[in-house]
C-alpha atoms as a PDB file:
ATOM      1  CA  UNK A   1     -30.377  25.313 203.470  1.00  0.00           C
ATOM      2  CA  UNK A   2     -28.734  23.059 206.426  1.00  0.00           C
ATOM      3  CA  UNK A   3     -31.779  21.285 206.746  1.00  0.00           C
ATOM      4  CA  UNK A   4     -32.470  20.183 202.861  1.00  0.00           C
ATOM      5  CA  UNK A   5     -32.431  16.288 202.761  1.00  0.00           C
ATOM      6  CA  UNK A   6     -29.547  15.088 200.171  1.00  0.00           C
ATOM      7  CA  UNK A   7     -30.109  11.609 198.802  1.00  0.00           C
ATOM      8  CA  UNK A   8     -27.347   9.859 196.429  1.00  0.00           C
ATOM      9  CA  UNK A   9     -28.910   7.552 194.207  1.00  0.00           C
ATOM     10  CA  UNK A  10     -27.697   4.890 192.185  1.00  0.00           C
ATOM     11  CA  UNK A  11     -25.489   2.877 194.222  1.00  0.00           C
ATOM     12  CA  UNK A  12     -24.098  -0.534 193.966  1.00  0.00           C
ATOM     13  CA  UNK A  13     -20.665  -1.381 194.942  1.00  0.00           C
ATOM     14  CA  UNK A  14     -20.430  -2.351 198.355  1.00  0.00           C
ATOM     15  CA  UNK A  15     -17.460  -0.037 199.127  1.00  0.00           C
ATOM     16  CA  UNK A  16     -18.708   3.102 197.553  1.00  0.00           C
ATOM     17  CA  UNK A  17     -21.778   2.600 199.483  1.00  0.00           C
ATOM     18  CA  UNK A  18     -19.694   2.575 202.771  1.00  0.00           C
ATOM     19  CA  UNK A  19     -18.068   5.730 201.593  1.00  0.00           C
ATOM     20  CA  UNK A  20     -20.891   7.328 200.557  1.00  0.00           C
ATOM     21  CA  UNK A  21     -22.896   6.064 203.812  1.00  0.00           C
ATOM     22  CA  UNK A  22     -20.353   7.743 205.938  1.00  0.00           C
ATOM     23  CA  UNK A  23     -21.151  11.281 204.405  1.00  0.00           C
ATOM     24  CA  UNK A  24     -23.304  13.863 205.953  1.00  0.00           C
ATOM     25  CA  UNK A  25     -26.381  12.704 203.818  1.00  0.00           C
ATOM     26  CA  UNK A  26     -30.164  11.586 204.422  1.00  0.00           C
ATOM     27  CA  UNK A  27     -30.861   9.060 202.064  1.00  0.00           C
ATOM     28  CA  UNK A  28     -29.181   6.252 199.738  1.00  0.00           C
ATOM     29  CA  UNK A  29     -31.041   5.273 196.365  1.00  0.00           C
ATOM     30  CA  UNK A  30     -30.356   1.613 194.911  1.00  0.00           C
ATOM     31  CA  UNK A  31     -32.235   0.977 191.328  1.00  0.00           C
ATOM     32  CA  UNK A  32     -34.067  -2.136 190.622  1.00  0.00           C
ATOM     33  CA  UNK A  33     -34.227  -1.622 186.838  1.00  0.00           C
ATOM     34  CA  UNK A  34     -32.418  -3.930 184.890  1.00  0.00           C
ATOM     35  CA  UNK A  35     -31.939  -1.634 182.069  1.00  0.00           C
ATOM     36  CA  UNK A  36     -30.339   0.817 184.051  1.00  0.00           C
ATOM     37  CA  UNK A  37     -26.443   1.098 184.083  1.00  0.00           C
ATOM     38  CA  UNK A  38     -26.774   1.423 187.823  1.00  0.00           C
ATOM     39  CA  UNK A  39     -28.725  -1.497 188.461  1.00  0.00           C
ATOM     40  CA  UNK A  40     -28.289  -3.389 191.605  1.00  0.00           C
ATOM     41  CA  UNK A  41     -27.712  -6.949 190.351  1.00  0.00           C
ATOM     42  CA  UNK A  42     -28.053  -9.568 192.607  1.00  0.00           C
ATOM     43  CA  UNK A  43     -26.290 -10.701 196.132  1.00  0.00           C
ATOM     44  CA  UNK A  44     -26.144  -7.007 197.470  1.00  0.00           C
ATOM     45  CA  UNK A  45     -28.795  -7.524 199.665  1.00  0.00           C
ATOM     46  CA  UNK A  46     -26.413 -10.173 201.670  1.00  0.00           C
ATOM     47  CA  UNK A  47     -23.675  -7.389 202.252  1.00  0.00           C
ATOM     48  CA  UNK A  48     -26.689  -4.864 203.108  1.00  0.00           C
ATOM     49  CA  UNK A  49     -27.694  -7.480 205.965  1.00  0.00           C
ATOM     50  CA  UNK A  50     -23.771  -8.034 207.222  1.00  0.00           C
ATOM     51  CA  UNK A  51     -22.817  -4.549 207.192  1.00  0.00           C
ATOM     52  CA  UNK A  52     -26.421  -3.089 208.512  1.00  0.00           C
ATOM     53  CA  UNK A  53     -24.452  -0.689 210.969  1.00  0.00           C
ATOM     54  CA  UNK A  54     -22.645   1.136 207.648  1.00  0.00           C
ATOM     55  CA  UNK A  55     -26.129   2.208 207.150  1.00  0.00           C
ATOM     56  CA  UNK A  56     -26.691   3.649 210.766  1.00  0.00           C
ATOM     57  CA  UNK A  57     -28.945   6.526 210.110  1.00  0.00           C
ATOM     58  CA  UNK A  58     -29.817   6.166 206.374  1.00  0.00           C
ATOM     59  CA  UNK A  59     -32.866   6.138 204.635  1.00  0.00           C
ATOM     60  CA  UNK A  60     -32.457   3.295 201.920  1.00  0.00           C
ATOM     61  CA  UNK A  61     -34.739   4.181 198.939  1.00  0.00           C
ATOM     62  CA  UNK A  62     -35.317   1.702 196.381  1.00  0.00           C
ATOM     63  CA  UNK A  63     -35.949   3.105 192.708  1.00  0.00           C
ATOM     64  CA  UNK A  64     -38.449   1.112 190.578  1.00  0.00           C
ATOM     65  CA  UNK A  65     -39.952   1.673 186.728  1.00  0.00           C
ATOM     66  CA  UNK A  66     -42.751   0.264 185.645  1.00  0.00           C
ATOM     67  CA  UNK A  67     -42.480  -3.043 188.276  1.00  0.00           C
ATOM     68  CA  UNK A  68     -44.916  -5.239 189.494  1.00  0.00           C
ATOM     69  CA  UNK A  69     -46.326  -5.334 193.235  1.00  0.00           C
ATOM     70  CA  UNK A  70     -44.949  -8.140 194.349  1.00  0.00           C
ATOM     71  CA  UNK A  71     -41.383  -7.409 193.093  1.00  0.00           C
ATOM     72  CA  UNK A  72     -41.698  -3.924 195.328  1.00  0.00           C
ATOM     73  CA  UNK A  73     -42.568  -5.602 197.959  1.00  0.00           C
ATOM     74  CA  UNK A  74     -39.737  -8.259 198.029  1.00  0.00           C
ATOM     75  CA  UNK A  75     -37.259  -5.532 197.637  1.00  0.00           C
ATOM     76  CA  UNK A  76     -38.840  -3.831 200.478  1.00  0.00           C
ATOM     77  CA  UNK A  77     -38.590  -6.847 202.554  1.00  0.00           C
ATOM     78  CA  UNK A  78     -35.069  -8.336 201.179  1.00  0.00           C
ATOM     79  CA  UNK A  79     -33.109  -4.537 201.339  1.00  0.00           C
ATOM     80  CA  UNK A  80     -34.639  -3.132 204.478  1.00  0.00           C
ATOM     81  CA  UNK A  81     -36.016   0.046 202.415  1.00  0.00           C
ATOM     82  CA  UNK A  82     -37.569   2.666 203.862  1.00  0.00           C
ATOM     83  CA  UNK A  83     -38.459   4.346 200.866  1.00  0.00           C
ATOM     84  CA  UNK A  84     -40.152   2.973 197.553  1.00  0.00           C
ATOM     85  CA  UNK A  85     -39.703   5.459 194.850  1.00  0.00           C
ATOM     86  CA  UNK A  86     -41.968   5.089 191.852  1.00  0.00           C
ATOM     87  CA  UNK A  87     -40.205   6.136 188.411  1.00  0.00           C
ATOM     88  CA  UNK A  88     -41.896   4.704 185.880  1.00  0.00           C
ATOM     89  CA  UNK A  89     -45.681   5.298 184.331  1.00  0.00           C
ATOM     90  CA  UNK A  90     -47.257   4.410 187.662  1.00  0.00           C
ATOM     91  CA  UNK A  91     -51.111   5.513 188.112  1.00  0.00           C
ATOM     92  CA  UNK A  92     -52.478   6.313 191.423  1.00  0.00           C
ATOM     93  CA  UNK A  93     -54.370   2.980 191.869  1.00  0.00           C
ATOM     94  CA  UNK A  94     -50.962   1.248 191.782  1.00  0.00           C
ATOM     95  CA  UNK A  95     -50.211   3.500 194.885  1.00  0.00           C
ATOM     96  CA  UNK A  96     -53.049   3.004 196.335  1.00  0.00           C
ATOM     97  CA  UNK A  97     -52.564  -1.002 196.154  1.00  0.00           C
ATOM     98  CA  UNK A  98     -49.119  -0.793 197.599  1.00  0.00           C
ATOM     99  CA  UNK A  99     -50.748   1.604 200.380  1.00  0.00           C
ATOM    100  CA  UNK A 100     -53.808  -1.187 201.327  1.00  0.00           C
ATOM    101  CA  UNK A 101     -51.468  -4.337 201.006  1.00  0.00           C
ATOM    102  CA  UNK A 102     -48.964  -2.666 203.928  1.00  0.00           C
ATOM    103  CA  UNK A 103     -52.046  -1.521 205.915  1.00  0.00           C
ATOM    104  CA  UNK A 104     -53.648  -5.122 205.671  1.00  0.00           C
ATOM    105  CA  UNK A 105     -50.682  -7.274 206.281  1.00  0.00           C
ATOM    106  CA  UNK A 106     -47.466  -7.617 208.428  1.00  0.00           C
ATOM    107  CA  UNK A 107     -45.145  -7.128 205.574  1.00  0.00           C
ATOM    108  CA  UNK A 108     -42.241  -4.648 205.682  1.00  0.00           C
ATOM    109  CA  UNK A 109     -43.554  -1.095 204.972  1.00  0.00           C
ATOM    110  CA  UNK A 110     -42.085   1.511 203.091  1.00  0.00           C
ATOM    111  CA  UNK A 111     -42.983   5.433 202.417  1.00  0.00           C
ATOM    112  CA  UNK A 112     -43.645   6.058 198.591  1.00  0.00           C
ATOM    113  CA  UNK A 113     -41.813   8.778 196.716  1.00  0.00           C
ATOM    114  CA  UNK A 114     -43.495   9.340 193.264  1.00  0.00           C
ATOM    115  CA  UNK A 115     -41.156  10.973 190.383  1.00  0.00           C
ATOM    116  CA  UNK A 116     -42.171  13.188 187.581  1.00  0.00           C
ATOM    117  CA  UNK A 117     -40.360  13.681 184.367  1.00  0.00           C
ATOM    118  CA  UNK A 118     -40.846  17.405 183.963  1.00  0.00           C
ATOM    119  CA  UNK A 119     -40.311  19.696 181.383  1.00  0.00           C
ATOM    120  CA  UNK A 120     -42.113  23.373 180.494  1.00  0.00           C
ATOM    121  CA  UNK A 121     -44.884  21.889 179.428  1.00  0.00           C
ATOM    122  CA  UNK A 122     -45.477  19.755 182.576  1.00  0.00           C
ATOM    123  CA  UNK A 123     -48.795  20.594 184.297  1.00  0.00           C
ATOM    124  CA  UNK A 124     -48.013  20.241 188.385  1.00  0.00           C
ATOM    125  CA  UNK A 125     -51.701  19.389 188.537  1.00  0.00           C
ATOM    126  CA  UNK A 126     -51.086  15.701 187.401  1.00  0.00           C
ATOM    127  CA  UNK A 127     -49.521  15.426 190.680  1.00  0.00           C
ATOM    128  CA  UNK A 128     -52.507  15.852 193.014  1.00  0.00           C
ATOM    129  CA  UNK A 129     -54.120  12.235 192.526  1.00  0.00           C
ATOM    130  CA  UNK A 130     -50.847  10.838 193.907  1.00  0.00           C
ATOM    131  CA  UNK A 131     -51.133  13.309 196.973  1.00  0.00           C
ATOM    132  CA  UNK A 132     -52.998  10.806 199.243  1.00  0.00           C
ATOM    133  CA  UNK A 133     -50.190   8.026 199.106  1.00  0.00           C
ATOM    134  CA  UNK A 134     -47.146   9.613 198.293  1.00  0.00           C
ATOM    135  CA  UNK A 135     -44.679  11.437 201.466  1.00  0.00           C
ATOM    136  CA  UNK A 136     -42.953  13.109 198.656  1.00  0.00           C
ATOM    137  CA  UNK A 137     -42.852  13.854 195.238  1.00  0.00           C
ATOM    138  CA  UNK A 138     -39.309  13.841 193.113  1.00  0.00           C
ATOM    139  CA  UNK A 139     -38.722  16.042 190.100  1.00  0.00           C
ATOM    140  CA  UNK A 140     -36.960  14.891 187.283  1.00  0.00           C
ATOM    141  CA  UNK A 141     -35.972  15.828 183.975  1.00  0.00           C
ATOM    142  CA  UNK A 142     -38.077  15.026 181.182  1.00  0.00           C
ATOM    143  CA  UNK A 143     -36.269  12.282 178.512  1.00  0.00           C
ATOM    144  CA  UNK A 144     -37.094   9.536 176.407  1.00  0.00           C
ATOM    145  CA  UNK A 145     -35.564   7.222 179.278  1.00  0.00           C
ATOM    146  CA  UNK A 146     -36.497   6.831 182.789  1.00  0.00           C
ATOM    147  CA  UNK A 147     -33.909   9.228 185.018  1.00  0.00           C
ATOM    148  CA  UNK A 148     -30.025   9.424 184.488  1.00  0.00           C
ATOM    149  CA  UNK A 149     -29.757  11.491 181.868  1.00  0.00           C
ATOM    150  CA  UNK A 150     -27.732  13.959 183.862  1.00  0.00           C
ATOM    151  CA  UNK A 151     -29.507  17.014 182.348  1.00  0.00           C
ATOM    152  CA  UNK A 152     -31.068  19.654 184.325  1.00  0.00           C
ATOM    153  CA  UNK A 153     -34.675  20.995 183.883  1.00  0.00           C
ATOM    154  CA  UNK A 154     -35.668  24.895 184.081  1.00  0.00           C
ATOM    155  CA  UNK A 155     -36.189  25.146 187.856  1.00  0.00           C
ATOM    156  CA  UNK A 156     -38.125  28.630 187.116  1.00  0.00           C
ATOM    157  CA  UNK A 157     -41.044  25.856 186.429  1.00  0.00           C
ATOM    158  CA  UNK A 158     -40.935  24.903 190.119  1.00  0.00           C
ATOM    159  CA  UNK A 159     -43.030  28.135 190.756  1.00  0.00           C
ATOM    160  CA  UNK A 160     -45.911  26.478 189.536  1.00  0.00           C
ATOM    161  CA  UNK A 161     -46.323  23.794 192.087  1.00  0.00           C
ATOM    162  CA  UNK A 162     -48.690  24.438 194.846  1.00  0.00           C
ATOM    163  CA  UNK A 163     -49.047  21.205 196.287  1.00  0.00           C
ATOM    164  CA  UNK A 164     -48.577  20.501 200.081  1.00  0.00           C
ATOM    165  CA  UNK A 165     -46.312  17.357 199.221  1.00  0.00           C
ATOM    166  CA  UNK A 166     -42.790  18.172 199.636  1.00  0.00           C
ATOM    167  CA  UNK A 167     -40.479  17.425 196.762  1.00  0.00           C
ATOM    168  CA  UNK A 168     -36.962  16.293 195.749  1.00  0.00           C
ATOM    169  CA  UNK A 169     -35.330  18.032 192.995  1.00  0.00           C
ATOM    170  CA  UNK A 170     -33.514  15.922 190.351  1.00  0.00           C
ATOM    171  CA  UNK A 171     -31.694  15.701 187.176  1.00  0.00           C
ATOM    172  CA  UNK A 172     -28.259  16.699 186.518  1.00  0.00           C
ATOM    173  CA  UNK A 173     -27.306  18.577 189.741  1.00  0.00           C
ATOM    174  CA  UNK A 174     -23.665  19.156 189.726  1.00  0.00           C
ATOM    175  CA  UNK A 175     -21.002  20.932 191.703  1.00  0.00           C
ATOM    176  CA  UNK A 176     -21.478  24.208 189.575  1.00  0.00           C
ATOM    177  CA  UNK A 177     -25.608  24.724 190.655  1.00  0.00           C
ATOM    178  CA  UNK A 178     -24.893  24.903 194.469  1.00  0.00           C
ATOM    179  CA  UNK A 179     -25.802  28.844 194.614  1.00  0.00           C
ATOM    180  CA  UNK A 180     -28.602  28.226 192.374  1.00  0.00           C
ATOM    181  CA  UNK A 181     -30.037  25.403 194.521  1.00  0.00           C
ATOM    182  CA  UNK A 182     -29.265  28.148 197.891  1.00  0.00           C
ATOM    183  CA  UNK A 183     -31.380  30.647 195.669  1.00  0.00           C
ATOM    184  CA  UNK A 184     -33.938  28.497 195.111  1.00  0.00           C
ATOM    185  CA  UNK A 185     -37.165  29.887 197.347  1.00  0.00           C
ATOM    186  CA  UNK A 186     -39.995  26.843 197.375  1.00  0.00           C
ATOM    187  CA  UNK A 187     -41.973  25.873 200.591  1.00  0.00           C
ATOM    188  CA  UNK A 188     -41.805  22.251 199.664  1.00  0.00           C
ATOM    189  CA  UNK A 189     -38.384  22.175 198.566  1.00  0.00           C
ATOM    190  CA  UNK A 190     -37.295  19.021 200.729  1.00  0.00           C
ATOM    191  CA  UNK A 191     -34.535  18.021 199.380  1.00  0.00           C
ATOM    192  CA  UNK A 192     -31.830  17.040 196.308  1.00  0.00           C
ATOM    193  CA  UNK A 193     -31.098  14.074 194.692  1.00  0.00           C
ATOM    194  CA  UNK A 194     -27.272  13.452 193.132  1.00  0.00           C
ATOM    195  CA  UNK A 195     -26.750  10.775 190.846  1.00  0.00           C
ATOM    196  CA  UNK A 196     -24.517  11.093 187.550  1.00  0.00           C
ATOM    197  CA  UNK A 197     -22.752  13.780 188.062  1.00  0.00           C
ATOM    198  CA  UNK A 198     -21.226  12.587 190.996  1.00  0.00           C
ATOM    199  CA  UNK A 199     -19.778   9.238 189.275  1.00  0.00           C
ATOM    200  CA  UNK A 200     -16.269   7.899 188.420  1.00  0.00           C
ATOM    201  CA  UNK A 201     -18.378   5.132 186.624  1.00  0.00           C
ATOM    202  CA  UNK A 202     -21.838   4.206 186.338  1.00  0.00           C
ATOM    203  CA  UNK A 203     -22.921   3.373 189.923  1.00  0.00           C
ATOM    204  CA  UNK A 204     -19.673   4.272 191.128  1.00  0.00           C
ATOM    205  CA  UNK A 205     -19.898   7.724 193.468  1.00  0.00           C
ATOM    206  CA  UNK A 206     -17.288  10.102 194.022  1.00  0.00           C
ATOM    207  CA  UNK A 207     -17.138  10.529 197.257  1.00  0.00           C
ATOM    208  CA  UNK A 208     -14.529  13.499 197.631  1.00  0.00           C
ATOM    209  CA  UNK A 209     -16.598  15.047 195.171  1.00  0.00           C
ATOM    210  CA  UNK A 210     -19.827  14.851 197.018  1.00  0.00           C
ATOM    211  CA  UNK A 211     -18.530  16.206 200.327  1.00  0.00           C
ATOM    212  CA  UNK A 212     -16.977  19.120 198.707  1.00  0.00           C
ATOM    213  CA  UNK A 213     -20.380  19.859 197.192  1.00  0.00           C
ATOM    214  CA  UNK A 214     -22.057  19.231 200.580  1.00  0.00           C
ATOM    215  CA  UNK A 215     -19.581  21.328 202.239  1.00  0.00           C
ATOM    216  CA  UNK A 216     -20.626  24.188 199.802  1.00  0.00           C
ATOM    217  CA  UNK A 217     -24.297  24.004 199.938  1.00  0.00           C
ATOM    218  CA  UNK A 218     -24.211  23.955 204.092  1.00  0.00           C
ATOM    219  CA  UNK A 219     -21.432  26.610 204.217  1.00  0.00           C
END
């Protein structure tokens, strides 16, 4: 379990970002969906550039929902993103366009994480057209909104996923789930995504709670 990557998503407050980045985590996530209560807002890119060393060793993930290619490319450049997480109704063709642009131009490149909203009826074969373009998948709880529900889905259905693309587990993960996470036995489980259940307020994480969770998970 020590190799399981930990991603903390929905960050926007500079002081809080620095605190989270000081923890033994692997990825920090910034949400570029304006309807989200965790939307990054404006000006954060300037702070990130001035405090680049604060995030040393952490991969930066930008979360997008049905956004334009231009906006995604600009955010990758401005925020020095390592990953683009597509959390909307994106088609494989969208991923192909991003990949082709990165290969054909000198703009900053990022890897793609494609998020899927999972419920009991989810067909995991729907993930396969995205596989050629994605480094990771992310399985989140299906809700009317685009993530951030604080609800978990039935993890037992993950056994139906037979793909070769590693995935992050998301959706309502909290401190009570450490044992269940440790008991998950799936070769493609790459990491977990922490968000709303570890917050003091939207976009502000409880540093001590995350540290405690990590200690227990990796004990």
